[in-house]
C-alpha atoms as a PDB file:
ATOM      1  CA  MET A   1      80.136  81.879  82.695  1.00  0.00           C
ATOM      2  CA  ASP A   2      78.186  85.108  83.210  1.00  0.00           C
ATOM      3  CA  GLY A   3      80.384  88.278  82.763  1.00  0.00           C
ATOM      4  CA  THR A   4      80.495  89.154  85.923  1.00  0.00           C
ATOM      5  CA  LYS A   5      81.878  85.843  87.462  1.00  0.00           C
ATOM      6  CA  PHE A   6      84.359  86.209  84.403  1.00  0.00           C
ATOM      7  CA  ASN A   7      85.352  89.807  85.550  1.00  0.00           C
ATOM      8  CA  ARG A   8      85.898  89.108  89.128  1.00  0.00           C
ATOM      9  CA  ARG A   9      87.864  86.808  88.631  1.00  0.00           C
ATOM     10  CA  PHE A  10      89.864  88.137  86.449  1.00  0.00           C
ATOM     11  CA  LEU A  11      90.423  91.074  88.239  1.00  0.00           C
ATOM     12  CA  LYS A  12      90.998  88.408  91.354  1.00  0.00           C
ATOM     13  CA  MET A  13      94.426  87.174  89.355  1.00  0.00           C
ATOM     14  CA  LEU A  14      95.363  90.539  88.261  1.00  0.00           C
ATOM     15  CA  LEU A  15      95.519  91.830  92.068  1.00  0.00           C
ATOM     16  CA  LYS A  16      97.249  88.526  93.257  1.00  0.00           C
ATOM     17  CA  MET A  17      99.579  89.170  90.437  1.00  0.00           C
ATOM     18  CA  GLN A  18     100.374  92.564  91.314  1.00  0.00           C
ATOM     19  CA  CYS A  19     100.455  91.825  94.843  1.00  0.00           C
ATOM     20  CA  GLU A  20     103.230  89.115  94.552  1.00  0.00           C
ATOM     21  CA  LYS A  21     104.971  91.623  92.174  1.00  0.00           C
ATOM     22  CA  GLU A  22     105.285  94.151  94.542  1.00  0.00           C
ATOM     23  CA  THR A  23     106.513  92.013  97.415  1.00  0.00           C
ATOM     24  CA  LEU A  24     109.202  90.229  95.359  1.00  0.00           C
ATOM     25  CA  ASP A  25     110.193  93.982  94.356  1.00  0.00           C
ATOM     26  CA  CYS A  26     110.349  95.050  98.063  1.00  0.00           C
ATOM     27  CA  VAL A  27     112.039  91.803  98.868  1.00  0.00           C
ATOM     28  CA  ILE A  28     114.606  92.441  95.953  1.00  0.00           C
ATOM     29  CA  HIS A  29     115.093  95.920  97.162  1.00  0.00           C
ATOM     30  CA  GLU A  30     115.788  95.067 100.924  1.00  0.00           C
ATOM     31  CA  MET A  31     118.058  92.237  99.652  1.00  0.00           C
ATOM     32  CA  ARG A  32     120.045  94.809  97.273  1.00  0.00           C
ATOM     33  CA  ALA A  33     120.426  97.439 100.493  1.00  0.00           C
ATOM     34  CA  VAL A  34     122.374  94.829 102.304  1.00  0.00           C
ATOM     35  CA  LEU A  35     124.020  93.193  99.609  1.00  0.00           C
ATOM     36  CA  GLY A  36     125.105  95.607  97.343  1.00  0.00           C
ATOM     37  CA  GLU A  37     127.569  94.818  94.224  1.00  0.00           C
ATOM     38  CA  LYS A  38     126.952  91.151  95.859  1.00  0.00           C
ATOM     39  CA  MET A  39     123.223  90.955  95.120  1.00  0.00           C
ATOM     40  CA  PRO A  40     121.988  87.589  93.014  1.00  0.00           C
ATOM     41  CA  GLU A  41     120.306  87.951  89.839  1.00  0.00           C
ATOM     42  CA  GLU A  42     116.814  89.338  90.172  1.00  0.00           C
ATOM     43  CA  ASP A  43     115.375  85.854  88.251  1.00  0.00           C
ATOM     44  CA  ALA A  44     117.271  83.873  90.258  1.00  0.00           C
ATOM     45  CA  VAL A  45     115.578  85.523  93.865  1.00  0.00           C
ATOM     46  CA  ARG A  46     112.168  85.676  92.116  1.00  0.00           C
ATOM     47  CA  ALA A  47     112.123  82.375  91.548  1.00  0.00           C
ATOM     48  CA  TYR A  48     113.441  81.022  94.783  1.00  0.00           C
ATOM     49  CA  LEU A  49     110.625  83.156  96.769  1.00  0.00           C
ATOM     50  CA  LYS A  50     108.349  81.526  94.128  1.00  0.00           C
ATOM     51  CA  ASP A  51     109.280  77.739  95.092  1.00  0.00           C
ATOM     52  CA  PRO A  52     111.770  77.710  97.446  1.00  0.00           C
ATOM     53  CA  GLY A  53     112.139  74.059  97.412  1.00  0.00           C
ATOM     54  CA  LYS A  54     113.266  74.033  93.815  1.00  0.00           C
ATOM     55  CA  LYS A  55     117.147  74.167  93.330  1.00  0.00           C
ATOM     56  CA  THR A  56     118.414  77.387  93.336  1.00  0.00           C
ATOM     57  CA  THR A  57     121.511  79.655  92.438  1.00  0.00           C
ATOM     58  CA  LEU A  58     121.684  81.171  95.209  1.00  0.00           C
ATOM     59  CA  THR A  59     123.794  80.913  98.285  1.00  0.00           C
ATOM     60  CA  VAL A  60     122.497  79.917 101.785  1.00  0.00           C
ATOM     61  CA  GLY A  61     123.023  83.031 103.087  1.00  0.00           C
ATOM     62  CA  GLN A  62     120.962  84.758 100.193  1.00  0.00           C
ATOM     63  CA  GLN A  63     118.134  82.425 100.533  1.00  0.00           C
ATOM     64  CA  VAL A  64     118.101  82.947 104.378  1.00  0.00           C
ATOM     65  CA  LEU A  65     118.095  86.857 103.514  1.00  0.00           C
ATOM     66  CA  ALA A  66     115.618  86.841 100.941  1.00  0.00           C
ATOM     67  CA  MET A  67     113.174  84.841 103.507  1.00  0.00           C
ATOM     68  CA  ASP A  68     114.195  87.060 106.304  1.00  0.00           C
ATOM     69  CA  LYS A  69     112.975  89.723 103.910  1.00  0.00           C
ATOM     70  CA  LEU A  70     109.648  88.310 102.996  1.00  0.00           C
ATOM     71  CA  LEU A  71     109.055  87.279 106.459  1.00  0.00           C
ATOM     72  CA  GLU A  72     109.465  91.167 107.299  1.00  0.00           C
ATOM     73  CA  ASP A  73     107.269  92.121 104.527  1.00  0.00           C
ATOM     74  CA  ALA A  74     104.571  89.857 105.686  1.00  0.00           C
ATOM     75  CA  GLU A  75     105.064  90.697 109.208  1.00  0.00           C
ATOM     76  CA  VAL A  76     104.188  94.811 108.251  1.00  0.00           C
ATOM     77  CA  ASN A  77     101.286  93.789 106.263  1.00  0.00           C
ATOM     78  CA  PHE A  78     100.047  91.471 108.945  1.00  0.00           C
ATOM     79  CA  HIS A  79     100.125  94.385 111.568  1.00  0.00           C
ATOM     80  CA  MET A  80      98.634  96.724 108.902  1.00  0.00           C
ATOM     81  CA  ILE A  81      95.554  94.739 108.484  1.00  0.00           C
ATOM     82  CA  CYS A  82      95.098  94.136 112.158  1.00  0.00           C
ATOM     83  CA  ASP A  83      95.514  97.943 112.470  1.00  0.00           C
ATOM     84  CA  MET A  84      92.901  97.757 109.923  1.00  0.00           C
ATOM     85  CA  VAL A  85      90.534  95.595 112.234  1.00  0.00           C
ATOM     86  CA  ARG A  86      91.048  97.320 114.990  1.00  0.00           C
ATOM     87  CA  TYR A  87      90.091 100.878 113.796  1.00  0.00           C
ATOM     88  CA  GLN A  88      86.744  99.294 111.855  1.00  0.00           C
ATOM     89  CA  ASN A  89      85.447  97.812 115.246  1.00  0.00           C
ATOM     90  CA  MET A  90      86.684 100.417 117.775  1.00  0.00           C
ATOM     91  CA  LYS A  91      84.528 103.090 115.001  1.00  0.00           C
ATOM     92  CA  GLU A  92      81.472 100.583 115.517  1.00  0.00           C
ATOM     93  CA  ALA A  93      82.289 100.779 119.191  1.00  0.00           C
ATOM     94  CA  GLY A  94      81.853 104.531 119.393  1.00  0.00           C
ATOM     95  CA  MET A  95      85.370 104.525 120.664  1.00  0.00           C
ATOM     96  CA  VAL A  96      87.183 106.417 117.623  1.00  0.00           C
ATOM     97  CA  HIS A  97      85.689 108.761 115.233  1.00  0.00           C
ATOM     98  CA  SER A  98      88.142 109.355 112.608  1.00  0.00           C
ATOM     99  CA  VAL A  99      91.461 107.648 111.699  1.00  0.00           C
ATOM    100  CA  ASP A 100      93.199 110.354 113.032  1.00  0.00           C
ATOM    101  CA  GLU A 101      92.066 109.483 116.350  1.00  0.00           C
ATOM    102  CA  PHE A 102      92.490 105.982 115.970  1.00  0.00           C
ATOM    103  CA  LEU A 103      96.158 106.641 114.955  1.00  0.00           C
ATOM    104  CA  GLN A 104      96.849 108.954 117.985  1.00  0.00           C
ATOM    105  CA  LEU A 105      95.262 106.403 120.391  1.00  0.00           C
ATOM    106  CA  LEU A 106      97.455 103.532 118.899  1.00  0.00           C
ATOM    107  CA  ARG A 107     100.871 105.821 118.900  1.00  0.00           C
ATOM    108  CA  SER A 108     100.343 106.529 122.541  1.00  0.00           C
ATOM    109  CA  GLY A 109      99.311 102.865 123.270  1.00  0.00           C
ATOM    110  CA  ARG A 110     102.788 101.471 121.815  1.00  0.00           C
ATOM    111  CA  THR A 111     104.687 104.314 123.678  1.00  0.00           C
ATOM    112  CA  GLN A 112     103.649 103.624 126.675  1.00  0.00           C
ATOM    113  CA  ASN A 113     104.492  99.831 125.621  1.00  0.00           C
ATOM    114  CA  GLU A 114     108.173 100.416 124.895  1.00  0.00           C
END
């Protein structure tokens, strides 16, 4: 295996680990805001979210909340990716020339839909 291929695989692994950590940190932070002192152990939340099929010490309510917060985070990330694709397509089509212009157009469209 050449060094470039190894470096790419290693970088991909590091990025995946960092994304997973950031996502779980966000879920735990959001759960703590809701549960306060009734927040379960962080390790239990992390273990549950990594493998929801395994036995857990989380209550059913905590499991539902953890999964809900994970889905909220995924939804935000999905919308961000969609907006990035929209921007790229609109810029290539000459419809917008800057991120600021795109954001202004995006905000005005969302305001009209509300």
